[in-house]
Amino acid sequence: MDLTDARWRTSSRSGNGECVEVADNLPGVVGVRDSKDPAGPVLVFAPAAWRAFVAVARRPTV
């Protein structure tokens, strides 16, 4: 998969630089990688699957 046009971003809540980066500007895929290893492996998700993950992750814990 060609990710050369990916625009990687980190969460605005990431303070120490040790987090994941997300590229959601590519058609049909969302890339996720480790910010400490930008040349390392990338997980690729369908946009709907990524939205579902983020929705669950945002839910408050009890």
Protein backbone atom coordinates (compact mmCIF):
# COMPACT_ATOMS: atom_id res chain seq x y z
CA MET A 1 0.00 0.00 0.00
CA ASP A 2 1.36 3.40 -0.97
CA LEU A 3 1.35 5.78 2.00
CA THR A 4 3.66 8.45 0.57
CA ASP A 5 0.87 11.07 0.55
CA ALA A 6 -0.16 10.32 4.14
CA ARG A 7 -0.35 13.36 6.41
CA TRP A 8 0.42 12.04 9.88
CA ARG A 9 -0.93 13.78 12.97
CA THR A 10 -0.88 13.13 16.69
CA SER A 11 -3.52 13.87 19.28
CA SER A 12 -3.60 17.36 20.71
CA ARG A 13 -3.65 15.62 24.11
CA SER A 14 -0.32 13.95 23.46
CA GLY A 15 2.24 15.71 25.60
CA ASN A 16 5.29 13.47 25.73
CA GLY A 17 5.60 12.48 22.07
CA GLU A 18 5.09 8.79 22.79
CA CYS A 19 1.81 8.08 21.09
CA VAL A 20 0.25 6.94 17.88
CA GLU A 21 0.00 8.97 14.71
CA VAL A 22 -3.01 8.79 12.42
CA ALA A 23 -3.25 9.53 8.70
CA ASP A 24 -6.88 9.94 7.68
CA ASN A 25 -6.39 11.89 4.47
CA LEU A 26 -6.06 8.87 2.18
CA PRO A 27 -9.02 7.58 0.17
CA GLY A 28 -10.58 4.48 1.69
CA VAL A 29 -8.03 3.84 4.46
CA VAL A 30 -6.84 5.20 7.80
CA GLY A 31 -3.22 4.55 8.72
CA VAL A 32 -2.00 4.26 12.31
CA ARG A 33 1.65 4.08 13.38
CA ASP A 34 3.91 4.49 16.40
CA SER A 35 5.22 8.05 16.63
CA LYS A 36 8.55 6.77 17.99
CA ASP A 37 9.07 4.58 14.90
CA PRO A 38 7.77 6.48 11.86
CA ALA A 39 9.58 4.14 9.46
CA GLY A 40 8.10 1.10 11.19
CA PRO A 41 4.94 -0.85 10.47
CA VAL A 42 1.60 0.81 9.81
CA LEU A 43 -1.79 -0.61 10.71
CA VAL A 44 -4.44 0.13 8.09
CA PHE A 45 -8.15 0.32 8.86
CA ALA A 46 -11.29 0.94 6.86
CA PRO A 47 -12.62 4.40 7.74
CA ALA A 48 -15.83 2.97 9.26
CA ALA A 49 -13.83 0.60 11.48
CA TRP A 50 -11.61 3.47 12.65
CA ARG A 51 -14.63 5.67 13.45
CA ALA A 52 -16.17 2.81 15.45
CA PHE A 53 -12.91 2.34 17.41
CA VAL A 54 -12.64 6.05 18.20
CA ALA A 55 -16.29 6.19 19.30
CA VAL A 56 -15.70 3.36 21.77
CA ALA A 57 -12.40 4.82 22.97
CA ARG A 58 -14.08 8.16 23.72
CA ARG A 59 -16.73 6.62 25.94
CA PRO A 60 -16.25 7.52 29.58
CA THR A 61 -15.22 4.68 31.85
CA VAL A 62 -17.21 3.98 34.95
